[in-house]
């Protein structure tokens, strides 16, 4: 999967899950993934054009969101079960996919740079 597609998917999931969480719980903290997803959405063009700074910002935000979901949201959702669990697992999956796509892209760019002699 191309990194900009993985980023777009992850951003959309974060926004959707955050809004879903807000409408279900009416907690303002549900807007945190919405904000992260919105910034990732804005980074998609830069990731697609292989802008290093924007790509690294997207990686950092993706990593922060992934850690937050794995460390804070998922343990609570495991206790609650049901749709709450789905609302925690789906962003973890898209975050992991995005991280793999970013890492593969960075690795491929490094190999291409080394093959070109620079």
PDB file of N, CA and C in Angstrom:
ATOM      1  N   UNK A   1       0.846  -1.172   0.000  1.00  0.00           N
ATOM      2  CA  UNK A   1       0.000   0.000   0.000  1.00  0.00           C
ATOM      3  C   UNK A   1       0.893   1.238   0.000  1.00  0.00           C
ATOM      4  N   UNK A   2       0.555   2.201  -0.815  1.00  0.00           N
ATOM      5  CA  UNK A   2       1.322   3.436  -0.890  1.00  0.00           C
ATOM      6  C   UNK A   2       1.123   4.245   0.392  1.00  0.00           C
ATOM      7  N   UNK A   3       2.166   4.953   0.833  1.00  0.00           N
ATOM      8  CA  UNK A   3       2.064   5.663   2.106  1.00  0.00           C
ATOM      9  C   UNK A   3       0.967   6.722   2.150  1.00  0.00           C
ATOM     10  N   UNK A   4       0.747   7.417   1.042  1.00  0.00           N
ATOM     11  CA  UNK A   4      -0.297   8.450   1.091  1.00  0.00           C
ATOM     12  C   UNK A   4      -1.695   7.834   1.192  1.00  0.00           C
ATOM     13  N   UNK A   5      -1.890   6.660   0.621  1.00  0.00           N
ATOM     14  CA  UNK A   5      -3.183   5.973   0.744  1.00  0.00           C
ATOM     15  C   UNK A   5      -3.359   5.467   2.170  1.00  0.00           C
ATOM     16  N   UNK A   6      -2.308   4.890   2.744  1.00  0.00           N
ATOM     17  CA  UNK A   6      -2.370   4.413   4.131  1.00  0.00           C
ATOM     18  C   UNK A   6      -2.615   5.578   5.081  1.00  0.00           C
ATOM     19  N   UNK A   7      -1.971   6.717   4.822  1.00  0.00           N
ATOM     20  CA  UNK A   7      -2.165   7.901   5.647  1.00  0.00           C
ATOM     21  C   UNK A   7      -3.598   8.402   5.550  1.00  0.00           C
ATOM     22  N   UNK A   8      -4.128   8.439   4.332  1.00  0.00           N
ATOM     23  CA  UNK A   8      -5.501   8.887   4.115  1.00  0.00           C
ATOM     24  C   UNK A   8      -6.496   7.970   4.823  1.00  0.00           C
ATOM     25  N   UNK A   9      -6.288   6.675   4.718  1.00  0.00           N
ATOM     26  CA  UNK A   9      -7.149   5.703   5.385  1.00  0.00           C
ATOM     27  C   UNK A   9      -7.086   5.879   6.901  1.00  0.00           C
ATOM     28  N   UNK A  10      -5.872   6.015   7.430  1.00  0.00           N
ATOM     29  CA  UNK A  10      -5.704   6.185   8.868  1.00  0.00           C
ATOM     30  C   UNK A  10      -6.364   7.477   9.338  1.00  0.00           C
ATOM     31  N   UNK A  11      -6.187   8.555   8.595  1.00  0.00           N
ATOM     32  CA  UNK A  11      -6.801   9.836   8.949  1.00  0.00           C
ATOM     33  C   UNK A  11      -8.319   9.727   8.974  1.00  0.00           C
ATOM     34  N   UNK A  12      -8.885   9.098   7.956  1.00  0.00           N
ATOM     35  CA  UNK A  12     -10.343   8.950   7.883  1.00  0.00           C
ATOM     36  C   UNK A  12     -10.872   8.119   9.051  1.00  0.00           C
ATOM     37  N   UNK A  13     -10.165   7.049   9.387  1.00  0.00           N
ATOM     38  CA  UNK A  13     -10.586   6.200  10.508  1.00  0.00           C
ATOM     39  C   UNK A  13     -10.500   6.967  11.826  1.00  0.00           C
ATOM     40  N   UNK A  14      -9.412   7.712  12.030  1.00  0.00           N
ATOM     41  CA  UNK A  14      -9.285   8.484  13.265  1.00  0.00           C
ATOM     42  C   UNK A  14     -10.404   9.513  13.402  1.00  0.00           C
ATOM     43  N   UNK A  15     -10.726  10.188  12.311  1.00  0.00           N
ATOM     44  CA  UNK A  15     -11.805  11.170  12.343  1.00  0.00           C
ATOM     45  C   UNK A  15     -13.140  10.490  12.627  1.00  0.00           C
ATOM     46  N   UNK A  16     -13.420   9.410  11.928  1.00  0.00           N
ATOM     47  CA  UNK A  16     -14.692   8.704  12.103  1.00  0.00           C
ATOM     48  C   UNK A  16     -14.829   8.132  13.514  1.00  0.00           C
ATOM     49  N   UNK A  17     -13.773   7.509  14.008  1.00  0.00           N
ATOM     50  CA  UNK A  17     -13.814   6.900  15.340  1.00  0.00           C
ATOM     51  C   UNK A  17     -13.959   7.974  16.419  1.00  0.00           C
ATOM     52  N   UNK A  18     -13.261   9.081  16.238  1.00  0.00           N
ATOM     53  CA  UNK A  18     -13.374  10.170  17.203  1.00  0.00           C
ATOM     54  C   UNK A  18     -14.773  10.757  17.250  1.00  0.00           C
ATOM     55  N   UNK A  19     -15.355  10.987  16.088  1.00  0.00           N
ATOM     56  CA  UNK A  19     -16.729  11.521  16.055  1.00  0.00           C
ATOM     57  C   UNK A  19     -17.717  10.513  16.624  1.00  0.00           C
ATOM     58  N   UNK A  20     -17.547   9.252  16.277  1.00  0.00           N
ATOM     59  CA  UNK A  20     -18.397   8.187  16.814  1.00  0.00           C
ATOM     60  C   UNK A  20     -18.292   8.169  18.339  1.00  0.00           C
ATOM     61  N   UNK A  21     -17.087   8.243  18.844  1.00  0.00           N
ATOM     62  CA  UNK A  21     -16.877   8.250  20.288  1.00  0.00           C
ATOM     63  C   UNK A  21     -17.515   9.448  20.955  1.00  0.00           C
ATOM     64  N   UNK A  22     -17.429  10.606  20.303  1.00  0.00           N
ATOM     65  CA  UNK A  22     -18.041  11.802  20.887  1.00  0.00           C
ATOM     66  C   UNK A  22     -19.554  11.667  20.961  1.00  0.00           C
ATOM     67  N   UNK A  23     -20.168  11.207  19.889  1.00  0.00           N
ATOM     68  CA  UNK A  23     -21.624  11.083  19.883  1.00  0.00           C
ATOM     69  C   UNK A  23     -22.110   9.992  20.828  1.00  0.00           C
ATOM     70  N   UNK A  24     -21.237   9.041  21.123  1.00  0.00           N
ATOM     71  CA  UNK A  24     -21.616   7.975  22.047  1.00  0.00           C
ATOM     72  C   UNK A  24     -21.394   8.366  23.509  1.00  0.00           C
ATOM     73  N   UNK A  25     -20.330   9.132  23.766  1.00  0.00           N
ATOM     74  CA  UNK A  25     -19.978   9.440  25.157  1.00  0.00           C
ATOM     75  C   UNK A  25     -20.117  10.908  25.525  1.00  0.00           C
ATOM     76  N   UNK A  26     -20.200  11.793  24.553  1.00  0.00           N
ATOM     77  CA  UNK A  26     -20.255  13.244  24.760  1.00  0.00           C
ATOM     78  C   UNK A  26     -19.040  13.745  25.542  1.00  0.00           C
ATOM     79  N   UNK A  27     -17.905  13.077  25.377  1.00  0.00           N
ATOM     80  CA  UNK A  27     -16.659  13.485  26.031  1.00  0.00           C
ATOM     81  C   UNK A  27     -15.811  14.277  25.036  1.00  0.00           C
ATOM     82  N   UNK A  28     -15.317  15.418  25.472  1.00  0.00           N
ATOM     83  CA  UNK A  28     -14.506  16.249  24.580  1.00  0.00           C
ATOM     84  C   UNK A  28     -13.179  15.599  24.210  1.00  0.00           C
ATOM     85  N   UNK A  29     -12.712  14.650  25.000  1.00  0.00           N
ATOM     86  CA  UNK A  29     -11.450  13.972  24.663  1.00  0.00           C
ATOM     87  C   UNK A  29     -11.582  13.133  23.390  1.00  0.00           C
ATOM     88  N   UNK A  30     -12.798  12.842  22.991  1.00  0.00           N
ATOM     89  CA  UNK A  30     -13.007  12.094  21.746  1.00  0.00           C
ATOM     90  C   UNK A  30     -12.580  12.913  20.535  1.00  0.00           C
ATOM     91  N   UNK A  31     -12.419  14.225  20.717  1.00  0.00           N
ATOM     92  CA  UNK A  31     -11.982  15.068  19.608  1.00  0.00           C
ATOM     93  C   UNK A  31     -10.468  15.003  19.375  1.00  0.00           C
ATOM     94  N   UNK A  32      -9.732  14.368  20.273  1.00  0.00           N
ATOM     95  CA  UNK A  32      -8.280  14.247  20.079  1.00  0.00           C
ATOM     96  C   UNK A  32      -7.961  13.457  18.811  1.00  0.00           C
ATOM     97  N   UNK A  33      -8.544  12.255  18.618  1.00  0.00           N
ATOM     98  CA  UNK A  33      -8.254  11.561  17.348  1.00  0.00           C
ATOM     99  C   UNK A  33      -8.795  12.309  16.133  1.00  0.00           C
ATOM    100  N   UNK A  34      -9.863  13.078  16.317  1.00  0.00           N
ATOM    101  CA  UNK A  34     -10.394  13.874  15.204  1.00  0.00           C
ATOM    102  C   UNK A  34      -9.351  14.913  14.790  1.00  0.00           C
ATOM    103  N   UNK A  35      -8.747  15.581  15.770  1.00  0.00           N
ATOM    104  CA  UNK A  35      -7.716  16.575  15.475  1.00  0.00           C
ATOM    105  C   UNK A  35      -6.494  15.959  14.826  1.00  0.00           C
ATOM    106  N   UNK A  36      -6.049  14.842  15.358  1.00  0.00           N
ATOM    107  CA  UNK A  36      -4.887  14.159  14.770  1.00  0.00           C
ATOM    108  C   UNK A  36      -5.219  13.708  13.348  1.00  0.00           C
ATOM    109  N   UNK A  37      -6.414  13.158  13.168  1.00  0.00           N
ATOM    110  CA  UNK A  37      -6.833  12.723  11.837  1.00  0.00           C
ATOM    111  C   UNK A  37      -6.914  13.874  10.854  1.00  0.00           C
ATOM    112  N   UNK A  38      -7.380  15.043  11.320  1.00  0.00           N
ATOM    113  CA  UNK A  38      -7.469  16.217  10.440  1.00  0.00           C
ATOM    114  C   UNK A  38      -6.079  16.673  10.000  1.00  0.00           C
ATOM    115  N   UNK A  39      -5.121  16.682  10.929  1.00  0.00           N
ATOM    116  CA  UNK A  39      -3.749  17.071  10.576  1.00  0.00           C
ATOM    117  C   UNK A  39      -3.150  16.038   9.610  1.00  0.00           C
ATOM    118  N   UNK A  40      -3.390  14.753   9.877  1.00  0.00           N
ATOM    119  CA  UNK A  40      -2.897  13.719   8.957  1.00  0.00           C
ATOM    120  C   UNK A  40      -3.522  13.879   7.573  1.00  0.00           C
ATOM    121  N   UNK A  41      -4.786  14.241   7.542  1.00  0.00           N
ATOM    122  CA  UNK A  41      -5.463  14.473   6.265  1.00  0.00           C
ATOM    123  C   UNK A  41      -4.777  15.606   5.501  1.00  0.00           C
ATOM    124  N   UNK A  42      -4.404  16.662   6.220  1.00  0.00           N
ATOM    125  CA  UNK A  42      -3.699  17.777   5.589  1.00  0.00           C
ATOM    126  C   UNK A  42      -2.296  17.377   5.124  1.00  0.00           C
ATOM    127  N   UNK A  43      -1.715  16.375   5.754  1.00  0.00           N
ATOM    128  CA  UNK A  43      -0.366  15.911   5.381  1.00  0.00           C
ATOM    129  C   UNK A  43      -0.368  15.005   4.157  1.00  0.00           C
ATOM    130  N   UNK A  44      -1.512  14.523   3.741  1.00  0.00           N
ATOM    131  CA  UNK A  44      -1.578  13.524   2.674  1.00  0.00           C
ATOM    132  C   UNK A  44      -0.927  14.002   1.380  1.00  0.00           C
ATOM    133  N   UNK A  45      -1.168  15.238   0.993  1.00  0.00           N
ATOM    134  CA  UNK A  45      -0.562  15.766  -0.235  1.00  0.00           C
ATOM    135  C   UNK A  45       0.954  15.783  -0.158  1.00  0.00           C
ATOM    136  N   UNK A  46       1.487  16.191   0.995  1.00  0.00           N
ATOM    137  CA  UNK A  46       2.937  16.212   1.178  1.00  0.00           C
ATOM    138  C   UNK A  46       3.532  14.821   1.195  1.00  0.00           C
ATOM    139  N   UNK A  47       2.807  13.883   1.783  1.00  0.00           N
ATOM    140  CA  UNK A  47       3.280  12.493   1.790  1.00  0.00           C
ATOM    141  C   UNK A  47       3.296  11.958   0.363  1.00  0.00           C
ATOM    142  N   UNK A  48       2.260  12.296  -0.409  1.00  0.00           N
ATOM    143  CA  UNK A  48       2.181  11.826  -1.788  1.00  0.00           C
ATOM    144  C   UNK A  48       3.317  12.392  -2.639  1.00  0.00           C
ATOM    145  N   UNK A  49       3.667  13.669  -2.401  1.00  0.00           N
ATOM    146  CA  UNK A  49       4.751  14.289  -3.181  1.00  0.00           C
ATOM    147  C   UNK A  49       6.133  14.003  -2.586  1.00  0.00           C
ATOM    148  N   UNK A  50       6.170  13.127  -1.580  1.00  0.00           N
ATOM    149  CA  UNK A  50       7.396  12.667  -0.932  1.00  0.00           C
ATOM    150  C   UNK A  50       8.176  13.792  -0.259  1.00  0.00           C
ATOM    151  N   UNK A  51       7.463  14.735   0.325  1.00  0.00           N
ATOM    152  CA  UNK A  51       8.081  15.786   1.125  1.00  0.00           C
ATOM    153  C   UNK A  51       8.540  15.158   2.437  1.00  0.00           C
ATOM    154  N   UNK A  52       9.850  15.191   2.685  1.00  0.00           N
ATOM    155  CA  UNK A  52      10.413  14.494   3.849  1.00  0.00           C
ATOM    156  C   UNK A  52       9.881  15.038   5.166  1.00  0.00           C
ATOM    157  N   UNK A  53       9.801  16.353   5.293  1.00  0.00           N
ATOM    158  CA  UNK A  53       9.364  16.952   6.558  1.00  0.00           C
ATOM    159  C   UNK A  53       7.910  16.577   6.849  1.00  0.00           C
ATOM    160  N   UNK A  54       7.064  16.720   5.870  1.00  0.00           N
ATOM    161  CA  UNK A  54       5.648  16.392   6.066  1.00  0.00           C
ATOM    162  C   UNK A  54       5.476  14.903   6.330  1.00  0.00           C
ATOM    163  N   UNK A  55       6.224  14.078   5.625  1.00  0.00           N
ATOM    164  CA  UNK A  55       6.141  12.627   5.848  1.00  0.00           C
ATOM    165  C   UNK A  55       6.555  12.274   7.275  1.00  0.00           C
ATOM    166  N   UNK A  56       7.593  12.929   7.776  1.00  0.00           N
ATOM    167  CA  UNK A  56       8.029  12.641   9.139  1.00  0.00           C
ATOM    168  C   UNK A  56       7.035  13.155  10.179  1.00  0.00           C
ATOM    169  N   UNK A  57       6.388  14.270   9.901  1.00  0.00           N
ATOM    170  CA  UNK A  57       5.322  14.765  10.791  1.00  0.00           C
ATOM    171  C   UNK A  57       4.183  13.745  10.812  1.00  0.00           C
ATOM    172  N   UNK A  58       3.818  13.237   9.642  1.00  0.00           N
ATOM    173  CA  UNK A  58       2.742  12.240   9.565  1.00  0.00           C
ATOM    174  C   UNK A  58       3.116  10.973  10.319  1.00  0.00           C
ATOM    175  N   UNK A  59       4.374  10.546  10.205  1.00  0.00           N
ATOM    176  CA  UNK A  59       4.826   9.357  10.933  1.00  0.00           C
ATOM    177  C   UNK A  59       4.733   9.599  12.436  1.00  0.00           C
ATOM    178  N   UNK A  60       5.196  10.753  12.892  1.00  0.00           N
ATOM    179  CA  UNK A  60       5.168  11.065  14.317  1.00  0.00           C
ATOM    180  C   UNK A  60       3.732  11.088  14.852  1.00  0.00           C
ATOM    181  N   UNK A  61       2.840  11.748  14.143  1.00  0.00           N
ATOM    182  CA  UNK A  61       1.436  11.800  14.585  1.00  0.00           C
ATOM    183  C   UNK A  61       0.796  10.414  14.563  1.00  0.00           C
ATOM    184  N   UNK A  62       1.109   9.646  13.547  1.00  0.00           N
ATOM    185  CA  UNK A  62       0.569   8.287  13.460  1.00  0.00           C
ATOM    186  C   UNK A  62       1.064   7.454  14.638  1.00  0.00           C
ATOM    187  N   UNK A  63       2.345   7.589  14.961  1.00  0.00           N
ATOM    188  CA  UNK A  63       2.933   6.839  16.066  1.00  0.00           C
ATOM    189  C   UNK A  63       2.315   7.254  17.400  1.00  0.00           C
ATOM    190  N   UNK A  64       2.116   8.556  17.602  1.00  0.00           N
ATOM    191  CA  UNK A  64       1.497   9.046  18.839  1.00  0.00           C
ATOM    192  C   UNK A  64       0.073   8.515  18.968  1.00  0.00           C
ATOM    193  N   UNK A  65      -0.688   8.588  17.881  1.00  0.00           N
ATOM    194  CA  UNK A  65      -2.072   8.093  17.917  1.00  0.00           C
ATOM    195  C   UNK A  65      -2.099   6.588  18.182  1.00  0.00           C
ATOM    196  N   UNK A  66      -1.195   5.863  17.548  1.00  0.00           N
ATOM    197  CA  UNK A  66      -1.135   4.418  17.737  1.00  0.00           C
ATOM    198  C   UNK A  66      -0.794   4.071  19.182  1.00  0.00           C
ATOM    199  N   UNK A  67       0.180   4.750  19.748  1.00  0.00           N
ATOM    200  CA  UNK A  67       0.524   4.516  21.153  1.00  0.00           C
ATOM    201  C   UNK A  67      -0.641   4.840  22.084  1.00  0.00           C
ATOM    202  N   UNK A  68      -1.340   5.920  21.789  1.00  0.00           N
ATOM    203  CA  UNK A  68      -2.482   6.307  22.624  1.00  0.00           C
ATOM    204  C   UNK A  68      -3.586   5.252  22.563  1.00  0.00           C
ATOM    205  N   UNK A  69      -3.869   4.773  21.379  1.00  0.00           N
ATOM    206  CA  UNK A  69      -4.920   3.757  21.259  1.00  0.00           C
ATOM    207  C   UNK A  69      -4.499   2.440  21.879  1.00  0.00           C
ATOM    208  N   UNK A  70      -3.247   2.043  21.658  1.00  0.00           N
ATOM    209  CA  UNK A  70      -2.773   0.775  22.221  1.00  0.00           C
ATOM    210  C   UNK A  70      -2.614   0.855  23.739  1.00  0.00           C
ATOM    211  N   UNK A  71      -2.141   1.985  24.224  1.00  0.00           N
ATOM    212  CA  UNK A  71      -1.842   2.099  25.647  1.00  0.00           C
ATOM    213  C   UNK A  71      -2.992   2.521  26.525  1.00  0.00           C
ATOM    214  N   UNK A  72      -3.901   3.332  25.986  1.00  0.00           N
ATOM    215  CA  UNK A  72      -4.971   3.854  26.834  1.00  0.00           C
ATOM    216  C   UNK A  72      -6.362   3.355  26.425  1.00  0.00           C
ATOM    217  N   UNK A  73      -6.647   3.419  25.149  1.00  0.00           N
ATOM    218  CA  UNK A  73      -8.009   3.101  24.701  1.00  0.00           C
ATOM    219  C   UNK A  73      -8.271   1.599  24.653  1.00  0.00           C
ATOM    220  N   UNK A  74      -7.328   0.836  24.115  1.00  0.00           N
ATOM    221  CA  UNK A  74      -7.537  -0.600  23.948  1.00  0.00           C
ATOM    222  C   UNK A  74      -7.738  -1.340  25.271  1.00  0.00           C
ATOM    223  N   UNK A  75      -6.944  -1.081  26.311  1.00  0.00           N
ATOM    224  CA  UNK A  75      -7.189  -1.799  27.575  1.00  0.00           C
ATOM    225  C   UNK A  75      -8.588  -1.554  28.155  1.00  0.00           C
ATOM    226  N   UNK A  76      -9.068  -0.318  28.051  1.00  0.00           N
ATOM    227  CA  UNK A  76     -10.422  -0.021  28.534  1.00  0.00           C
ATOM    228  C   UNK A  76     -11.471  -0.716  27.670  1.00  0.00           C
ATOM    229  N   UNK A  77     -11.223  -0.739  26.366  1.00  0.00           N
ATOM    230  CA  UNK A  77     -12.175  -1.353  25.437  1.00  0.00           C
ATOM    231  C   UNK A  77     -12.227  -2.861  25.612  1.00  0.00           C
ATOM    232  N   UNK A  78     -11.110  -3.468  25.990  1.00  0.00           N
ATOM    233  CA  UNK A  78     -11.111  -4.917  26.226  1.00  0.00           C
ATOM    234  C   UNK A  78     -12.051  -5.270  27.380  1.00  0.00           C
ATOM    235  N   UNK A  79     -12.085  -4.424  28.387  1.00  0.00           N
ATOM    236  CA  UNK A  79     -13.001  -4.646  29.506  1.00  0.00           C
ATOM    237  C   UNK A  79     -14.452  -4.423  29.095  1.00  0.00           C
ATOM    238  N   UNK A  80     -14.680  -3.395  28.275  1.00  0.00           N
ATOM    239  CA  UNK A  80     -16.050  -3.049  27.881  1.00  0.00           C
ATOM    240  C   UNK A  80     -16.606  -3.999  26.820  1.00  0.00           C
ATOM    241  N   UNK A  81     -15.759  -4.389  25.866  1.00  0.00           N
ATOM    242  CA  UNK A  81     -16.197  -5.278  24.792  1.00  0.00           C
ATOM    243  C   UNK A  81     -17.134  -4.592  23.808  1.00  0.00           C
ATOM    244  N   UNK A  82     -17.754  -5.368  22.952  1.00  0.00           N
ATOM    245  CA  UNK A  82     -18.738  -4.869  22.003  1.00  0.00           C
ATOM    246  C   UNK A  82     -18.180  -3.872  21.005  1.00  0.00           C
ATOM    247  N   UNK A  83     -18.994  -2.862  20.686  1.00  0.00           N
ATOM    248  CA  UNK A  83     -18.598  -1.861  19.699  1.00  0.00           C
ATOM    249  C   UNK A  83     -17.463  -0.988  20.200  1.00  0.00           C
ATOM    250  N   UNK A  84     -17.351  -0.856  21.509  1.00  0.00           N
ATOM    251  CA  UNK A  84     -16.247  -0.101  22.075  1.00  0.00           C
ATOM    252  C   UNK A  84     -14.912  -0.746  21.698  1.00  0.00           C
ATOM    253  N   UNK A  85     -14.892  -2.049  21.676  1.00  0.00           N
ATOM    254  CA  UNK A  85     -13.686  -2.772  21.294  1.00  0.00           C
ATOM    255  C   UNK A  85     -13.363  -2.536  19.815  1.00  0.00           C
ATOM    256  N   UNK A  86     -14.375  -2.558  18.975  1.00  0.00           N
ATOM    257  CA  UNK A  86     -14.165  -2.287  17.545  1.00  0.00           C
ATOM    258  C   UNK A  86     -13.649  -0.876  17.339  1.00  0.00           C
ATOM    259  N   UNK A  87     -14.180   0.066  18.146  1.00  0.00           N
ATOM    260  CA  UNK A  87     -13.766   1.459  18.039  1.00  0.00           C
ATOM    261  C   UNK A  87     -12.311   1.650  18.478  1.00  0.00           C
ATOM    262  N   UNK A  88     -11.756   0.707  19.189  1.00  0.00           N
ATOM    263  CA  UNK A  88     -10.354   0.782  19.598  1.00  0.00           C
ATOM    264  C   UNK A  88      -9.443  -0.026  18.675  1.00  0.00           C
ATOM    265  N   UNK A  89      -9.932  -1.141  18.158  1.00  0.00           N
ATOM    266  CA  UNK A  89      -9.093  -2.021  17.337  1.00  0.00           C
ATOM    267  C   UNK A  89      -8.886  -1.476  15.924  1.00  0.00           C
ATOM    268  N   UNK A  90      -9.924  -0.928  15.315  1.00  0.00           N
ATOM    269  CA  UNK A  90      -9.817  -0.468  13.928  1.00  0.00           C
ATOM    270  C   UNK A  90      -8.743   0.613  13.767  1.00  0.00           C
ATOM    271  N   UNK A  91      -8.683   1.642  14.640  1.00  0.00           N
ATOM    272  CA  UNK A  91      -7.601   2.621  14.478  1.00  0.00           C
ATOM    273  C   UNK A  91      -6.215   2.024  14.739  1.00  0.00           C
ATOM    274  N   UNK A  92      -6.143   1.009  15.581  1.00  0.00           N
ATOM    275  CA  UNK A  92      -4.862   0.336  15.804  1.00  0.00           C
ATOM    276  C   UNK A  92      -4.405  -0.360  14.521  1.00  0.00           C
ATOM    277  N   UNK A  93      -5.327  -1.011  13.853  1.00  0.00           N
ATOM    278  CA  UNK A  93      -4.998  -1.711  12.609  1.00  0.00           C
ATOM    279  C   UNK A  93      -4.560  -0.724  11.530  1.00  0.00           C
ATOM    280  N   UNK A  94      -5.326   0.358  11.346  1.00  0.00           N
ATOM    281  CA  UNK A  94      -4.953   1.323  10.300  1.00  0.00           C
ATOM    282  C   UNK A  94      -3.661   2.057  10.665  1.00  0.00           C
ATOM    283  N   UNK A  95      -3.434   2.287  11.945  1.00  0.00           N
ATOM    284  CA  UNK A  95      -2.186   2.915  12.375  1.00  0.00           C
ATOM    285  C   UNK A  95      -0.985   2.029  12.091  1.00  0.00           C
ATOM    286  N   UNK A  96      -1.125   0.739  12.370  1.00  0.00           N
ATOM    287  CA  UNK A  96      -0.041  -0.205  12.093  1.00  0.00           C
ATOM    288  C   UNK A  96       0.202  -0.305  10.588  1.00  0.00           C
ATOM    289  N   UNK A  97      -0.862  -0.353   9.801  1.00  0.00           N
ATOM    290  CA  UNK A  97      -0.706  -0.390   8.337  1.00  0.00           C
ATOM    291  C   UNK A  97       0.021   0.853   7.832  1.00  0.00           C
ATOM    292  N   UNK A  98      -0.362   2.007   8.358  1.00  0.00           N
ATOM    293  CA  UNK A  98       0.275   3.255   7.938  1.00  0.00           C
ATOM    294  C   UNK A  98       1.750   3.263   8.334  1.00  0.00           C
ATOM    295  N   UNK A  99       2.060   2.801   9.541  1.00  0.00           N
ATOM    296  CA  UNK A  99       3.458   2.769   9.975  1.00  0.00           C
ATOM    297  C   UNK A  99       4.280   1.851   9.066  1.00  0.00           C
ATOM    298  N   UNK A 100       3.752   0.685   8.727  1.00  0.00           N
ATOM    299  CA  UNK A 100       4.465  -0.220   7.818  1.00  0.00           C
ATOM    300  C   UNK A 100       4.660   0.431   6.445  1.00  0.00           C
ATOM    301  N   UNK A 101       3.636   1.125   5.948  1.00  0.00           N
ATOM    302  CA  UNK A 101       3.752   1.779   4.646  1.00  0.00           C
ATOM    303  C   UNK A 101       4.812   2.885   4.690  1.00  0.00           C
ATOM    304  N   UNK A 102       4.835   3.656   5.772  1.00  0.00           N
ATOM    305  CA  UNK A 102       5.849   4.710   5.905  1.00  0.00           C
ATOM    306  C   UNK A 102       7.248   4.115   5.982  1.00  0.00           C
ATOM    307  N   UNK A 103       7.424   3.108   6.808  1.00  0.00           N
ATOM    308  CA  UNK A 103       8.743   2.494   6.974  1.00  0.00           C
ATOM    309  C   UNK A 103       9.228   1.897   5.656  1.00  0.00           C
ATOM    310  N   UNK A 104       8.347   1.210   4.948  1.00  0.00           N
ATOM    311  CA  UNK A 104       8.711   0.639   3.646  1.00  0.00           C
ATOM    312  C   UNK A 104       9.096   1.740   2.663  1.00  0.00           C
ATOM    313  N   UNK A 105       8.355   2.835   2.671  1.00  0.00           N
ATOM    314  CA  UNK A 105       8.649   3.949   1.777  1.00  0.00           C
ATOM    315  C   UNK A 105      10.009   4.566   2.091  1.00  0.00           C
ATOM    316  N   UNK A 106      10.294   4.781   3.384  1.00  0.00           N
ATOM    317  CA  UNK A 106      11.585   5.344   3.776  1.00  0.00           C
ATOM    318  C   UNK A 106      12.727   4.402   3.396  1.00  0.00           C
ATOM    319  N   UNK A 107      12.504   3.121   3.596  1.00  0.00           N
ATOM    320  CA  UNK A 107      13.529   2.126   3.271  1.00  0.00           C
ATOM    321  C   UNK A 107      13.780   2.092   1.761  1.00  0.00           C
ATOM    322  N   UNK A 108      12.704   2.089   0.967  1.00  0.00           N
ATOM    323  CA  UNK A 108      12.843   2.084  -0.487  1.00  0.00           C
ATOM    324  C   UNK A 108      13.563   3.341  -0.987  1.00  0.00           C
ATOM    325  N   UNK A 109      13.268   4.492  -0.383  1.00  0.00           N
ATOM    326  CA  UNK A 109      13.929   5.741  -0.776  1.00  0.00           C
ATOM    327  C   UNK A 109      15.420   5.679  -0.456  1.00  0.00           C
ATOM    328  N   UNK A 110      15.754   5.114   0.695  1.00  0.00           N
ATOM    329  CA  UNK A 110      17.171   4.992   1.068  1.00  0.00           C
ATOM    330  C   UNK A 110      17.897   4.051   0.097  1.00  0.00           C
ATOM    331  N   UNK A 111      17.273   2.917  -0.222  1.00  0.00           N
ATOM    332  CA  UNK A 111      17.902   1.980  -1.156  1.00  0.00           C
ATOM    333  C   UNK A 111      18.084   2.602  -2.535  1.00  0.00           C
ATOM    334  N   UNK A 112      17.107   3.389  -2.979  1.00  0.00           N
ATOM    335  CA  UNK A 112      17.206   4.034  -4.286  1.00  0.00           C
ATOM    336  C   UNK A 112      18.309   5.089  -4.269  1.00  0.00           C
ATOM    337  N   UNK A 113      18.435   5.813  -3.151  1.00  0.00           N
ATOM    338  CA  UNK A 113      19.486   6.831  -3.022  1.00  0.00           C
ATOM    339  C   UNK A 113      20.877   6.172  -3.031  1.00  0.00           C
ATOM    340  N   UNK A 114      20.985   5.054  -2.325  1.00  0.00           N
ATOM    341  CA  UNK A 114      22.269   4.343  -2.284  1.00  0.00           C
ATOM    342  C   UNK A 114      22.622   3.745  -3.638  1.00  0.00           C
ATOM    343  N   UNK A 115      21.618   3.277  -4.369  1.00  0.00           N
ATOM    344  CA  UNK A 115      21.852   2.705  -5.692  1.00  0.00           C
ATOM    345  C   UNK A 115      22.288   3.786  -6.679  1.00  0.00           C
ATOM    346  N   UNK A 116      21.811   5.011  -6.464  1.00  0.00           N
ATOM    347  CA  UNK A 116      22.176   6.114  -7.337  1.00  0.00           C
ATOM    348  C   UNK A 116      23.544   6.691  -6.986  1.00  0.00           C
ATOM    349  N   UNK A 117      24.112   6.208  -5.884  1.00  0.00           N
ATOM    350  CA  UNK A 117      25.444   6.642  -5.512  1.00  0.00           C
ATOM    351  C   UNK A 117      25.478   7.854  -4.593  1.00  0.00           C
ATOM    352  N   UNK A 118      24.373   8.126  -3.915  1.00  0.00           N
ATOM    353  CA  UNK A 118      24.422   9.311  -3.071  1.00  0.00           C
ATOM    354  C   UNK A 118      23.673   9.143  -1.860  1.00  0.00           C
TER     355      UNK A 118
END
